[in-house]
Amino acid sequence: MVEFKGTLDSGKTQSVNNRQFKKLWWLIAFFCVVFIALGIMGIIFREDESDFYLGIFLICMGALFPLLVFFLTRLTQKRLDKSMPILSDETFETYSFYPDKLVITTRKGDEYEGVVTAKYSYLYKVEETSDTYFLFISKAQTHVIKKSDLTQGSTDELNSYFAANLGSKFRPQKN
């Protein structure tokens, strides 16, 4: 058996957002280049004074676009986190992995307790990073497990469970 014990706090949502930024950096860079290129074209091929100002605006927008995306995502995520009473430092999660199943227990004092017992087919896919496991139950929903929360077993043992039960749906950490 492999077991992880940790909290269900805003750090989990931040991990998911950081993972998405790393995967989509190319898209953000593409929009930066497009905005800057349109701005330069607006300045070079301007027909009147307003085209010059539009070009400057687009160049500035291209330069600031990554920061804008980052801060708007953080702001939106903070508001979403506040709407989830279960998401707090007082909510504890235990993930127990067995060769044929997994058990997820979530508890917040005497306010909430939930237990999920499932076969590995419950998972859409699993991705391992250097410090985290992302257990997707759909394309948009994921459980986040920090490797530092390991209390029993080993990550090698867990990886063997994932490989045996998920096959190509398990993406181990790239070395």
C-alpha atoms as a PDB file:
ATOM      1  CA  MET A   1       0.000   0.000   0.000  1.00  0.00           C
ATOM      2  CA  VAL A   2       1.058   3.571  -0.748  1.00  0.00           C
ATOM      3  CA  GLU A   3      -0.406   6.413   1.298  1.00  0.00           C
ATOM      4  CA  PHE A   4      -0.342  10.200   1.169  1.00  0.00           C
ATOM      5  CA  LYS A   5      -1.744  12.501   3.862  1.00  0.00           C
ATOM      6  CA  GLY A   6      -2.110  16.228   3.259  1.00  0.00           C
ATOM      7  CA  THR A   7      -4.465  19.180   3.241  1.00  0.00           C
ATOM      8  CA  LEU A   8      -6.968  20.307   0.642  1.00  0.00           C
ATOM      9  CA  ASP A   9      -6.002  23.965   0.423  1.00  0.00           C
ATOM     10  CA  SER A  10      -5.559  26.678  -2.199  1.00  0.00           C
ATOM     11  CA  GLY A  11      -2.069  25.342  -2.931  1.00  0.00           C
ATOM     12  CA  LYS A  12      -3.734  22.510  -4.848  1.00  0.00           C
ATOM     13  CA  THR A  13      -5.563  24.871  -7.211  1.00  0.00           C
ATOM     14  CA  GLN A  14      -2.369  26.877  -7.613  1.00  0.00           C
ATOM     15  CA  SER A  15      -0.525  23.687  -8.642  1.00  0.00           C
ATOM     16  CA  VAL A  16      -3.114  22.992 -11.335  1.00  0.00           C
ATOM     17  CA  ASN A  17      -2.883  26.568 -12.653  1.00  0.00           C
ATOM     18  CA  ASN A  18       0.930  26.473 -12.725  1.00  0.00           C
ATOM     19  CA  ARG A  19       0.809  23.191 -14.641  1.00  0.00           C
ATOM     20  CA  GLN A  20      -1.539  24.755 -17.208  1.00  0.00           C
ATOM     21  CA  PHE A  21       0.719  27.797 -17.628  1.00  0.00           C
ATOM     22  CA  LYS A  22       3.686  25.509 -18.299  1.00  0.00           C
ATOM     23  CA  LYS A  23       1.710  23.561 -20.883  1.00  0.00           C
ATOM     24  CA  LEU A  24       0.253  26.632 -22.625  1.00  0.00           C
ATOM     25  CA  TRP A  25       3.246  29.006 -22.605  1.00  0.00           C
ATOM     26  CA  TRP A  26       3.478  28.674 -26.393  1.00  0.00           C
ATOM     27  CA  LEU A  27      -0.097  29.944 -26.832  1.00  0.00           C
ATOM     28  CA  ILE A  28       0.543  32.967 -24.622  1.00  0.00           C
ATOM     29  CA  ALA A  29       3.777  33.665 -26.521  1.00  0.00           C
ATOM     30  CA  PHE A  30       1.899  33.370 -29.830  1.00  0.00           C
ATOM     31  CA  PHE A  31      -0.615  36.044 -28.784  1.00  0.00           C
ATOM     32  CA  CYS A  32       2.233  38.296 -27.612  1.00  0.00           C
ATOM     33  CA  VAL A  33       3.905  38.034 -31.011  1.00  0.00           C
ATOM     34  CA  VAL A  34       0.615  38.640 -32.864  1.00  0.00           C
ATOM     35  CA  PHE A  35      -0.205  41.760 -30.794  1.00  0.00           C
ATOM     36  CA  ILE A  36       3.296  43.171 -31.216  1.00  0.00           C
ATOM     37  CA  ALA A  37       3.374  42.391 -34.964  1.00  0.00           C
ATOM     38  CA  LEU A  38      -0.028  44.037 -35.498  1.00  0.00           C
ATOM     39  CA  GLY A  39       1.162  47.046 -33.501  1.00  0.00           C
ATOM     40  CA  ILE A  40       4.296  47.421 -35.609  1.00  0.00           C
ATOM     41  CA  MET A  41       2.276  47.054 -38.806  1.00  0.00           C
ATOM     42  CA  GLY A  42      -0.182  49.666 -37.532  1.00  0.00           C
ATOM     43  CA  ILE A  43       2.657  52.116 -36.942  1.00  0.00           C
ATOM     44  CA  ILE A  44       4.461  51.445 -40.227  1.00  0.00           C
ATOM     45  CA  PHE A  45       1.370  51.395 -42.472  1.00  0.00           C
ATOM     46  CA  ARG A  46      -0.692  53.999 -40.636  1.00  0.00           C
ATOM     47  CA  GLU A  47      -3.279  55.995 -42.493  1.00  0.00           C
ATOM     48  CA  ASP A  48      -3.818  58.588 -39.774  1.00  0.00           C
ATOM     49  CA  GLU A  49      -2.768  59.496 -36.233  1.00  0.00           C
ATOM     50  CA  SER A  50      -5.193  57.019 -34.605  1.00  0.00           C
ATOM     51  CA  ASP A  51      -3.388  54.084 -36.255  1.00  0.00           C
ATOM     52  CA  PHE A  52      -0.160  55.178 -34.555  1.00  0.00           C
ATOM     53  CA  TYR A  53      -1.811  55.143 -31.116  1.00  0.00           C
ATOM     54  CA  LEU A  54      -3.496  51.833 -31.838  1.00  0.00           C
ATOM     55  CA  GLY A  55      -0.094  50.417 -32.819  1.00  0.00           C
ATOM     56  CA  ILE A  56       1.461  51.624 -29.560  1.00  0.00           C
ATOM     57  CA  PHE A  57      -1.475  50.148 -27.627  1.00  0.00           C
ATOM     58  CA  LEU A  58      -1.094  46.751 -29.361  1.00  0.00           C
ATOM     59  CA  ILE A  59       2.673  46.668 -28.733  1.00  0.00           C
ATOM     60  CA  CYS A  60       2.099  47.452 -25.035  1.00  0.00           C
ATOM     61  CA  MET A  61      -0.678  44.846 -24.894  1.00  0.00           C
ATOM     62  CA  GLY A  62       1.630  42.239 -26.430  1.00  0.00           C
ATOM     63  CA  ALA A  63       4.348  43.018 -23.913  1.00  0.00           C
ATOM     64  CA  LEU A  64       1.962  42.942 -20.944  1.00  0.00           C
ATOM     65  CA  PHE A  65      -0.232  40.041 -22.105  1.00  0.00           C
ATOM     66  CA  PRO A  66       1.512  37.286 -20.075  1.00  0.00           C
ATOM     67  CA  LEU A  67       1.281  39.335 -16.882  1.00  0.00           C
ATOM     68  CA  LEU A  68      -2.354  40.150 -17.574  1.00  0.00           C
ATOM     69  CA  VAL A  69      -3.231  36.482 -18.117  1.00  0.00           C
ATOM     70  CA  PHE A  70      -1.292  35.444 -15.012  1.00  0.00           C
ATOM     71  CA  PHE A  71      -2.833  38.026 -12.658  1.00  0.00           C
ATOM     72  CA  LEU A  72      -6.385  37.638 -13.988  1.00  0.00           C
ATOM     73  CA  THR A  73      -6.112  33.870 -13.548  1.00  0.00           C
ATOM     74  CA  ARG A  74      -4.852  34.316  -9.965  1.00  0.00           C
ATOM     75  CA  LEU A  75      -7.622  36.782  -9.155  1.00  0.00           C
ATOM     76  CA  THR A  76     -10.331  34.558 -10.624  1.00  0.00           C
ATOM     77  CA  GLN A  77      -8.945  31.481  -8.868  1.00  0.00           C
ATOM     78  CA  LYS A  78      -8.882  33.268  -5.490  1.00  0.00           C
ATOM     79  CA  ARG A  79     -12.550  34.149  -5.915  1.00  0.00           C
ATOM     80  CA  LEU A  80     -13.385  30.554  -6.848  1.00  0.00           C
ATOM     81  CA  ASP A  81     -11.374  29.234  -3.889  1.00  0.00           C
ATOM     82  CA  LYS A  82     -13.328  31.465  -1.504  1.00  0.00           C
ATOM     83  CA  SER A  83     -16.586  29.970  -2.799  1.00  0.00           C
ATOM     84  CA  MET A  84     -15.497  26.467  -1.693  1.00  0.00           C
ATOM     85  CA  PRO A  85     -15.821  26.077   2.090  1.00  0.00           C
ATOM     86  CA  ILE A  86     -14.152  22.657   1.926  1.00  0.00           C
ATOM     87  CA  LEU A  87     -10.968  24.193   0.495  1.00  0.00           C
ATOM     88  CA  SER A  88      -9.051  25.132   3.651  1.00  0.00           C
ATOM     89  CA  ASP A  89      -6.057  24.322   5.836  1.00  0.00           C
ATOM     90  CA  GLU A  90      -8.481  22.443   8.092  1.00  0.00           C
ATOM     91  CA  THR A  91      -9.474  19.916   5.396  1.00  0.00           C
ATOM     92  CA  PHE A  92      -7.360  16.779   5.415  1.00  0.00           C
ATOM     93  CA  GLU A  93      -7.067  14.239   2.621  1.00  0.00           C
ATOM     94  CA  THR A  94      -5.730  10.713   2.704  1.00  0.00           C
ATOM     95  CA  TYR A  95      -4.979   8.911  -0.556  1.00  0.00           C
ATOM     96  CA  SER A  96      -4.463   5.157  -0.138  1.00  0.00           C
ATOM     97  CA  PHE A  97      -3.353   3.168  -3.164  1.00  0.00           C
ATOM     98  CA  TYR A  98      -3.584  -0.603  -3.381  1.00  0.00           C
ATOM     99  CA  PRO A  99      -2.637  -2.837  -6.311  1.00  0.00           C
ATOM    100  CA  ASP A 100      -6.268  -3.006  -7.517  1.00  0.00           C
ATOM    101  CA  LYS A 101      -7.980   0.115  -6.108  1.00  0.00           C
ATOM    102  CA  LEU A 102      -7.592   3.527  -4.528  1.00  0.00           C
ATOM    103  CA  VAL A 103      -9.328   5.072  -1.524  1.00  0.00           C
ATOM    104  CA  ILE A 104      -9.635   8.840  -1.074  1.00  0.00           C
ATOM    105  CA  THR A 105     -10.792  10.150   2.296  1.00  0.00           C
ATOM    106  CA  THR A 106     -11.523  13.853   2.748  1.00  0.00           C
ATOM    107  CA  ARG A 107     -12.382  15.248   6.179  1.00  0.00           C
ATOM    108  CA  LYS A 108     -13.004  18.740   7.538  1.00  0.00           C
ATOM    109  CA  GLY A 109     -13.560  18.473  11.281  1.00  0.00           C
ATOM    110  CA  ASP A 110     -17.109  17.334  12.016  1.00  0.00           C
ATOM    111  CA  GLU A 111     -18.409  19.450   9.122  1.00  0.00           C
ATOM    112  CA  TYR A 112     -17.669  17.116   6.210  1.00  0.00           C
ATOM    113  CA  GLU A 113     -16.352  13.631   5.505  1.00  0.00           C
ATOM    114  CA  GLY A 114     -16.244  11.893   2.173  1.00  0.00           C
ATOM    115  CA  VAL A 115     -14.776   8.552   1.152  1.00  0.00           C
ATOM    116  CA  VAL A 116     -14.291   7.407  -2.420  1.00  0.00           C
ATOM    117  CA  THR A 117     -13.292   3.815  -3.107  1.00  0.00           C
ATOM    118  CA  ALA A 118     -12.659   3.169  -6.781  1.00  0.00           C
ATOM    119  CA  LYS A 119     -10.831   1.013  -9.275  1.00  0.00           C
ATOM    120  CA  TYR A 120      -8.132   2.687 -11.324  1.00  0.00           C
ATOM    121  CA  SER A 121     -10.552   2.922 -14.262  1.00  0.00           C
ATOM    122  CA  TYR A 122     -12.079   5.847 -12.265  1.00  0.00           C
ATOM    123  CA  LEU A 123      -9.083   7.885 -13.464  1.00  0.00           C
ATOM    124  CA  TYR A 124      -9.039   9.499 -16.898  1.00  0.00           C
ATOM    125  CA  LYS A 125      -5.238   9.796 -16.767  1.00  0.00           C
ATOM    126  CA  VAL A 126      -2.395  10.369 -14.303  1.00  0.00           C
ATOM    127  CA  GLU A 127       0.587  12.694 -14.784  1.00  0.00           C
ATOM    128  CA  GLU A 128       3.647  12.685 -12.553  1.00  0.00           C
ATOM    129  CA  THR A 129       5.916  15.707 -12.098  1.00  0.00           C
ATOM    130  CA  SER A 130       8.996  16.091  -9.915  1.00  0.00           C
ATOM    131  CA  ASP A 131       6.936  17.008  -6.849  1.00  0.00           C
ATOM    132  CA  THR A 132       3.294  16.192  -7.662  1.00  0.00           C
ATOM    133  CA  TYR A 133       0.862  13.628  -9.033  1.00  0.00           C
ATOM    134  CA  PHE A 134      -2.127  14.902 -11.025  1.00  0.00           C
ATOM    135  CA  LEU A 135      -4.918  12.314 -10.981  1.00  0.00           C
ATOM    136  CA  PHE A 136      -7.414  13.431 -13.621  1.00  0.00           C
ATOM    137  CA  ILE A 137     -10.975  12.182 -13.300  1.00  0.00           C
ATOM    138  CA  SER A 138     -11.899  14.135 -16.454  1.00  0.00           C
ATOM    139  CA  LYS A 139     -10.195  16.665 -18.715  1.00  0.00           C
ATOM    140  CA  ALA A 140     -11.212  19.468 -16.336  1.00  0.00           C
ATOM    141  CA  GLN A 141     -11.139  17.820 -12.881  1.00  0.00           C
ATOM    142  CA  THR A 142      -8.101  16.558 -11.047  1.00  0.00           C
ATOM    143  CA  HIS A 143      -6.873  15.390  -7.689  1.00  0.00           C
ATOM    144  CA  VAL A 144      -3.508  16.914  -6.752  1.00  0.00           C
ATOM    145  CA  ILE A 145      -1.159  14.878  -4.564  1.00  0.00           C
ATOM    146  CA  LYS A 146       2.103  16.329  -3.316  1.00  0.00           C
ATOM    147  CA  LYS A 147       4.896  13.773  -3.155  1.00  0.00           C
ATOM    148  CA  SER A 148       6.064  15.395   0.079  1.00  0.00           C
ATOM    149  CA  ASP A 149       2.815  14.115   1.698  1.00  0.00           C
ATOM    150  CA  LEU A 150       3.956  10.475   1.291  1.00  0.00           C
ATOM    151  CA  THR A 151       3.532   8.625   4.600  1.00  0.00           C
ATOM    152  CA  GLN A 152       3.729   4.962   3.575  1.00  0.00           C
ATOM    153  CA  GLY A 153       5.199   3.059   0.651  1.00  0.00           C
ATOM    154  CA  SER A 154       7.191   4.630  -2.176  1.00  0.00           C
ATOM    155  CA  THR A 155       6.635   6.535  -5.396  1.00  0.00           C
ATOM    156  CA  ASP A 156       8.217   3.644  -7.329  1.00  0.00           C
ATOM    157  CA  GLU A 157       5.583   1.300  -5.879  1.00  0.00           C
ATOM    158  CA  LEU A 158       2.814   3.762  -6.793  1.00  0.00           C
ATOM    159  CA  ASN A 159       4.206   4.181 -10.302  1.00  0.00           C
ATOM    160  CA  SER A 160       4.073   0.393 -10.743  1.00  0.00           C
ATOM    161  CA  TYR A 161       0.373   0.413  -9.706  1.00  0.00           C
ATOM    162  CA  PHE A 162      -0.363   3.183 -12.202  1.00  0.00           C
ATOM    163  CA  ALA A 163       1.586   1.511 -15.015  1.00  0.00           C
ATOM    164  CA  ALA A 164      -0.122  -1.861 -14.419  1.00  0.00           C
ATOM    165  CA  ASN A 165      -3.638  -0.441 -14.166  1.00  0.00           C
ATOM    166  CA  LEU A 166      -3.572   2.552 -16.517  1.00  0.00           C
ATOM    167  CA  GLY A 167      -1.015   1.673 -19.192  1.00  0.00           C
ATOM    168  CA  SER A 168      -0.596   4.607 -21.577  1.00  0.00           C
ATOM    169  CA  LYS A 169      -2.933   6.749 -19.449  1.00  0.00           C
ATOM    170  CA  PHE A 170      -0.072   7.082 -16.950  1.00  0.00           C
ATOM    171  CA  ARG A 171       2.580   9.636 -17.839  1.00  0.00           C
ATOM    172  CA  PRO A 172       5.556   9.218 -15.497  1.00  0.00           C
ATOM    173  CA  GLN A 173       7.960  12.032 -14.794  1.00  0.00           C
ATOM    174  CA  LYS A 174      10.441  12.664 -17.573  1.00  0.00           C
ATOM    175  CA  ASN A 175      14.009  12.410 -16.335  1.00  0.00           C
END
